[in-house]
C-alpha atoms as a PDB file:
ATOM      1  CA  MET A   1      32.299 149.545  40.013  1.00  0.00           C
ATOM      2  CA  LYS A   2      28.911 148.956  41.649  1.00  0.00           C
ATOM      3  CA  TYR A   3      28.524 146.535  44.578  1.00  0.00           C
ATOM      4  CA  GLN A   4      25.751 145.075  46.708  1.00  0.00           C
ATOM      5  CA  TYR A   5      26.403 143.631  50.163  1.00  0.00           C
ATOM      6  CA  GLN A   6      23.910 141.631  52.215  1.00  0.00           C
ATOM      7  CA  THR A   7      24.163 142.780  55.818  1.00  0.00           C
ATOM      8  CA  GLN A   8      24.102 140.490  58.838  1.00  0.00           C
ATOM      9  CA  GLY A   9      22.834 141.281  62.330  1.00  0.00           C
ATOM     10  CA  THR A  10      21.292 144.666  61.505  1.00  0.00           C
ATOM     11  CA  CYS A  11      17.901 146.139  60.651  1.00  0.00           C
ATOM     12  CA  SER A  12      19.127 147.020  57.170  1.00  0.00           C
ATOM     13  CA  LYS A  13      18.990 144.132  54.713  1.00  0.00           C
ATOM     14  CA  TYR A  14      21.623 145.180  52.206  1.00  0.00           C
ATOM     15  CA  ILE A  15      23.837 148.035  51.063  1.00  0.00           C
ATOM     16  CA  GLU A  16      24.528 149.243  47.547  1.00  0.00           C
ATOM     17  CA  PHE A  17      27.518 151.449  46.726  1.00  0.00           C
ATOM     18  CA  GLU A  18      30.097 152.260  44.098  1.00  0.00           C
ATOM     19  CA  ILE A  19      33.859 152.418  44.310  1.00  0.00           C
ATOM     20  CA  GLY A  20      35.584 154.578  41.715  1.00  0.00           C
ATOM     21  CA  GLU A  21      38.864 153.752  40.005  1.00  0.00           C
ATOM     22  CA  ASP A  22      40.527 156.085  42.478  1.00  0.00           C
ATOM     23  CA  ASN A  23      39.257 153.923  45.406  1.00  0.00           C
ATOM     24  CA  ILE A  24      36.707 156.590  46.367  1.00  0.00           C
ATOM     25  CA  LEU A  25      33.297 155.616  47.744  1.00  0.00           C
ATOM     26  CA  HIS A  26      30.135 156.888  46.010  1.00  0.00           C
ATOM     27  CA  ASN A  27      26.351 156.461  46.080  1.00  0.00           C
ATOM     28  CA  VAL A  28      25.980 154.506  49.341  1.00  0.00           C
ATOM     29  CA  VAL A  29      22.373 153.393  49.886  1.00  0.00           C
ATOM     30  CA  PHE A  30      21.148 151.217  52.757  1.00  0.00           C
ATOM     31  CA  TYR A  31      17.915 149.248  52.309  1.00  0.00           C
ATOM     32  CA  GLY A  32      15.880 148.754  55.478  1.00  0.00           C
ATOM     33  CA  GLY A  33      16.864 150.093  58.861  1.00  0.00           C
ATOM     34  CA  CYS A  34      16.632 153.641  60.200  1.00  0.00           C
ATOM     35  CA  ASN A  35      16.166 155.577  56.975  1.00  0.00           C
ATOM     36  CA  GLY A  36      17.197 159.045  58.168  1.00  0.00           C
ATOM     37  CA  ASN A  37      20.320 157.875  59.975  1.00  0.00           C
ATOM     38  CA  LEU A  38      21.385 155.676  57.099  1.00  0.00           C
ATOM     39  CA  GLN A  39      20.895 158.446  54.557  1.00  0.00           C
ATOM     40  CA  GLY A  40      23.118 160.561  56.791  1.00  0.00           C
ATOM     41  CA  ILE A  41      25.852 157.921  56.821  1.00  0.00           C
ATOM     42  CA  GLY A  42      25.662 157.649  53.044  1.00  0.00           C
ATOM     43  CA  ARG A  43      26.076 161.395  52.620  1.00  0.00           C
ATOM     44  CA  LEU A  44      28.883 161.642  55.172  1.00  0.00           C
ATOM     45  CA  VAL A  45      31.000 158.970  53.473  1.00  0.00           C
ATOM     46  CA  GLU A  46      30.318 160.219  49.923  1.00  0.00           C
ATOM     47  CA  GLY A  47      33.609 160.967  48.192  1.00  0.00           C
ATOM     48  CA  MET A  48      35.788 159.494  50.949  1.00  0.00           C
ATOM     49  CA  PRO A  49      38.640 157.058  50.321  1.00  0.00           C
ATOM     50  CA  VAL A  50      37.635 153.479  51.136  1.00  0.00           C
ATOM     51  CA  ASN A  51      40.410 153.044  53.734  1.00  0.00           C
ATOM     52  CA  GLU A  52      39.275 156.169  55.574  1.00  0.00           C
ATOM     53  CA  VAL A  53      35.660 154.921  55.690  1.00  0.00           C
ATOM     54  CA  ILE A  54      36.822 151.580  57.091  1.00  0.00           C
ATOM     55  CA  ALA A  55      38.962 153.311  59.732  1.00  0.00           C
ATOM     56  CA  LYS A  56      36.051 155.490  60.881  1.00  0.00           C
ATOM     57  CA  LEU A  57      33.221 152.909  60.844  1.00  0.00           C
ATOM     58  CA  ASP A  58      34.827 149.565  61.685  1.00  0.00           C
ATOM     59  CA  GLY A  59      33.787 148.239  65.071  1.00  0.00           C
ATOM     60  CA  ILE A  60      30.793 150.525  65.721  1.00  0.00           C
ATOM     61  CA  ARG A  61      28.131 148.590  67.667  1.00  0.00           C
ATOM     62  CA  CYS A  62      24.364 149.158  67.856  1.00  0.00           C
ATOM     63  CA  ALA A  63      22.107 148.440  70.848  1.00  0.00           C
ATOM     64  CA  GLY A  64      24.672 146.221  72.540  1.00  0.00           C
ATOM     65  CA  GLY A  65      24.860 143.917  69.517  1.00  0.00           C
ATOM     66  CA  PRO A  66      28.008 142.688  67.804  1.00  0.00           C
ATOM     67  CA  THR A  67      27.643 145.005  64.780  1.00  0.00           C
ATOM     68  CA  SER A  68      25.807 148.005  63.304  1.00  0.00           C
ATOM     69  CA  CYS A  69      24.911 149.376  59.889  1.00  0.00           C
ATOM     70  CA  PRO A  70      28.097 151.490  59.740  1.00  0.00           C
ATOM     71  CA  ASP A  71      30.151 148.460  60.809  1.00  0.00           C
ATOM     72  CA  GLN A  72      28.489 146.410  58.074  1.00  0.00           C
ATOM     73  CA  LEU A  73      29.549 148.994  55.487  1.00  0.00           C
ATOM     74  CA  ALA A  74      33.121 148.718  56.785  1.00  0.00           C
ATOM     75  CA  ASN A  75      32.865 144.922  56.568  1.00  0.00           C
ATOM     76  CA  ALA A  76      31.611 145.138  52.977  1.00  0.00           C
ATOM     77  CA  LEU A  77      34.531 147.352  52.011  1.00  0.00           C
ATOM     78  CA  LYS A  78      37.029 145.047  53.731  1.00  0.00           C
ATOM     79  CA  GLU A  79      35.591 142.056  51.846  1.00  0.00           C
ATOM     80  CA  ILE A  80      36.023 143.843  48.534  1.00  0.00           C
ATOM     81  CA  GLN A  81      39.609 144.730  49.404  1.00  0.00           C
ATOM     82  CA  LYS A  82      40.369 141.044  50.107  1.00  0.00           C
ATOM     83  CA  HIS A  83      39.299 140.118  46.579  1.00  0.00           C
ATOM     84  CA  GLN A  84      41.121 142.869  44.716  1.00  0.00           C
END
């Protein structure tokens, strides 16, 4: 299933991604933000189980702020899990 998540507190504005029936993350694309770094994150998490992505990215901070683009992806995935 395809999802879109509006980020908060980051340079990126939103994230699009898909979660397969097997709870595997696919096609992560960040819009806005540091393009090269965010493409890298998308490629690194491609094909990973959602719970593993959350465990690795949750709580990462950027520039002393309360969140980061990777943290926002973890937050998006946690939100989806709450509603499943």
